[in-house]
Amino acid sequence: MSEAASRIRGADLIAAIKRAGVRFVVALPDRTTTENVMKPLLADPEVRVVQVCKEDEGLSICAGLHAAGRSEEHTSELQSH
């Protein structure tokens, strides 16, 4: 299988996020995920996206969601390396 064929598509990732019941996405945008993942998520009324500038901001927001009893509904930051 080629590398391109083995990559996860943005639409597939978004569908998996929704199937998992995630309603909050805390994300550190990057050029790898912006076009195919972040822009569609931002336009989706079923998902609330919080974009952050640094990882520690994202962890703080996720901790707040957890403290508010929403931990099963959020996913941590999306970032490629």
C-alpha atoms as a PDB file:
ATOM      1  CA  MET A   1       0.000   0.000   0.000  1.00  0.00           C
ATOM      2  CA  SER A   2       1.367   3.396  -0.942  1.00  0.00           C
ATOM      3  CA  GLU A   3       1.922   6.085   1.668  1.00  0.00           C
ATOM      4  CA  ALA A   4      -0.815   8.257   0.134  1.00  0.00           C
ATOM      5  CA  ALA A   5      -3.313   5.368   0.217  1.00  0.00           C
ATOM      6  CA  SER A   6      -2.538   4.639   3.870  1.00  0.00           C
ATOM      7  CA  ARG A   7      -3.200   8.194   5.054  1.00  0.00           C
ATOM      8  CA  ILE A   8      -6.344   8.975   6.972  1.00  0.00           C
ATOM      9  CA  ARG A   9      -8.631  11.374   5.150  1.00  0.00           C
ATOM     10  CA  GLY A  10      -9.976  14.437   6.961  1.00  0.00           C
ATOM     11  CA  ALA A  11     -13.595  13.403   6.363  1.00  0.00           C
ATOM     12  CA  ASP A  12     -12.905   9.967   7.859  1.00  0.00           C
ATOM     13  CA  LEU A  13     -11.306  11.534  10.933  1.00  0.00           C
ATOM     14  CA  ILE A  14     -14.262  13.893  11.415  1.00  0.00           C
ATOM     15  CA  ALA A  15     -16.719  11.006  11.047  1.00  0.00           C
ATOM     16  CA  ALA A  16     -14.807   9.024  13.694  1.00  0.00           C
ATOM     17  CA  ILE A  17     -14.794  12.020  16.047  1.00  0.00           C
ATOM     18  CA  LYS A  18     -18.570  12.320  15.722  1.00  0.00           C
ATOM     19  CA  ARG A  19     -19.148   8.558  16.154  1.00  0.00           C
ATOM     20  CA  ALA A  20     -17.171   8.757  19.385  1.00  0.00           C
ATOM     21  CA  GLY A  21     -19.582  11.400  20.691  1.00  0.00           C
ATOM     22  CA  VAL A  22     -16.996  14.178  20.738  1.00  0.00           C
ATOM     23  CA  ARG A  23     -18.628  17.606  20.735  1.00  0.00           C
ATOM     24  CA  PHE A  24     -15.667  19.801  21.742  1.00  0.00           C
ATOM     25  CA  VAL A  25     -12.360  19.856  19.855  1.00  0.00           C
ATOM     26  CA  VAL A  26      -9.457  21.798  21.316  1.00  0.00           C
ATOM     27  CA  ALA A  27      -6.953  22.300  18.541  1.00  0.00           C
ATOM     28  CA  LEU A  28      -3.588  23.799  17.838  1.00  0.00           C
ATOM     29  CA  PRO A  29      -3.928  24.560  14.121  1.00  0.00           C
ATOM     30  CA  ASP A  30      -1.155  23.677  11.717  1.00  0.00           C
ATOM     31  CA  ARG A  31      -0.801  23.643   7.965  1.00  0.00           C
ATOM     32  CA  THR A  32      -1.183  19.856   7.753  1.00  0.00           C
ATOM     33  CA  THR A  33      -4.668  19.658   9.291  1.00  0.00           C
ATOM     34  CA  THR A  34      -6.127  23.101   8.576  1.00  0.00           C
ATOM     35  CA  GLU A  35      -7.604  22.557   5.119  1.00  0.00           C
ATOM     36  CA  ASN A  36      -9.085  19.051   5.447  1.00  0.00           C
ATOM     37  CA  VAL A  37      -9.862  18.815   9.161  1.00  0.00           C
ATOM     38  CA  MET A  38     -10.045  22.182  10.905  1.00  0.00           C
ATOM     39  CA  LYS A  39     -12.009  24.162   8.300  1.00  0.00           C
ATOM     40  CA  PRO A  40     -14.731  21.488   7.989  1.00  0.00           C
ATOM     41  CA  LEU A  41     -14.912  21.133  11.798  1.00  0.00           C
ATOM     42  CA  LEU A  42     -15.247  24.895  12.220  1.00  0.00           C
ATOM     43  CA  ALA A  43     -18.164  24.895   9.774  1.00  0.00           C
ATOM     44  CA  ASP A  44     -19.897  21.956  11.473  1.00  0.00           C
ATOM     45  CA  PRO A  45     -22.687  23.036  13.847  1.00  0.00           C
ATOM     46  CA  GLU A  46     -22.481  19.726  15.771  1.00  0.00           C
ATOM     47  CA  VAL A  47     -18.910  20.337  16.964  1.00  0.00           C
ATOM     48  CA  ARG A  48     -17.533  23.257  18.942  1.00  0.00           C
ATOM     49  CA  VAL A  49     -13.900  23.989  18.074  1.00  0.00           C
ATOM     50  CA  VAL A  50     -11.615  26.012  20.320  1.00  0.00           C
ATOM     51  CA  GLN A  51      -8.395  27.010  18.589  1.00  0.00           C
ATOM     52  CA  VAL A  52      -5.414  27.690  20.828  1.00  0.00           C
ATOM     53  CA  CYS A  53      -1.971  29.180  20.279  1.00  0.00           C
ATOM     54  CA  LYS A  54       0.013  26.907  22.601  1.00  0.00           C
ATOM     55  CA  GLU A  55      -0.320  23.360  23.917  1.00  0.00           C
ATOM     56  CA  ASP A  56      -0.636  24.488  27.540  1.00  0.00           C
ATOM     57  CA  GLU A  57      -3.698  26.567  26.670  1.00  0.00           C
ATOM     58  CA  GLY A  58      -5.312  23.492  25.163  1.00  0.00           C
ATOM     59  CA  LEU A  59      -4.554  21.357  28.189  1.00  0.00           C
ATOM     60  CA  SER A  60      -6.070  24.000  30.463  1.00  0.00           C
ATOM     61  CA  ILE A  61      -9.273  24.098  28.412  1.00  0.00           C
ATOM     62  CA  CYS A  62      -9.485  20.280  28.382  1.00  0.00           C
ATOM     63  CA  ALA A  63      -8.993  20.279  32.161  1.00  0.00           C
ATOM     64  CA  GLY A  64     -11.845  22.766  32.482  1.00  0.00           C
ATOM     65  CA  LEU A  65     -14.111  20.576  30.330  1.00  0.00           C
ATOM     66  CA  HIS A  66     -13.218  17.610  32.515  1.00  0.00           C
ATOM     67  CA  ALA A  67     -13.922  19.562  35.713  1.00  0.00           C
ATOM     68  CA  ALA A  68     -17.301  20.591  34.266  1.00  0.00           C
ATOM     69  CA  GLY A  69     -18.198  16.948  33.664  1.00  0.00           C
ATOM     70  CA  ARG A  70     -17.756  17.131  29.893  1.00  0.00           C
ATOM     71  CA  SER A  71     -14.626  14.948  29.653  1.00  0.00           C
ATOM     72  CA  GLU A  72     -16.300  12.249  27.560  1.00  0.00           C
ATOM     73  CA  GLU A  73     -17.311  14.839  24.978  1.00  0.00           C
ATOM     74  CA  HIS A  74     -13.960  16.403  24.129  1.00  0.00           C
ATOM     75  CA  THR A  75     -10.820  15.444  22.332  1.00  0.00           C
ATOM     76  CA  SER A  76      -7.444  16.901  23.029  1.00  0.00           C
ATOM     77  CA  GLU A  77      -5.393  18.941  20.645  1.00  0.00           C
ATOM     78  CA  LEU A  78      -4.795  17.970  17.048  1.00  0.00           C
ATOM     79  CA  GLN A  79      -1.240  18.578  16.018  1.00  0.00           C
ATOM     80  CA  SER A  80       1.112  16.987  13.541  1.00  0.00           C
ATOM     81  CA  HIS A  81       4.820  16.740  14.173  1.00  0.00           C
END
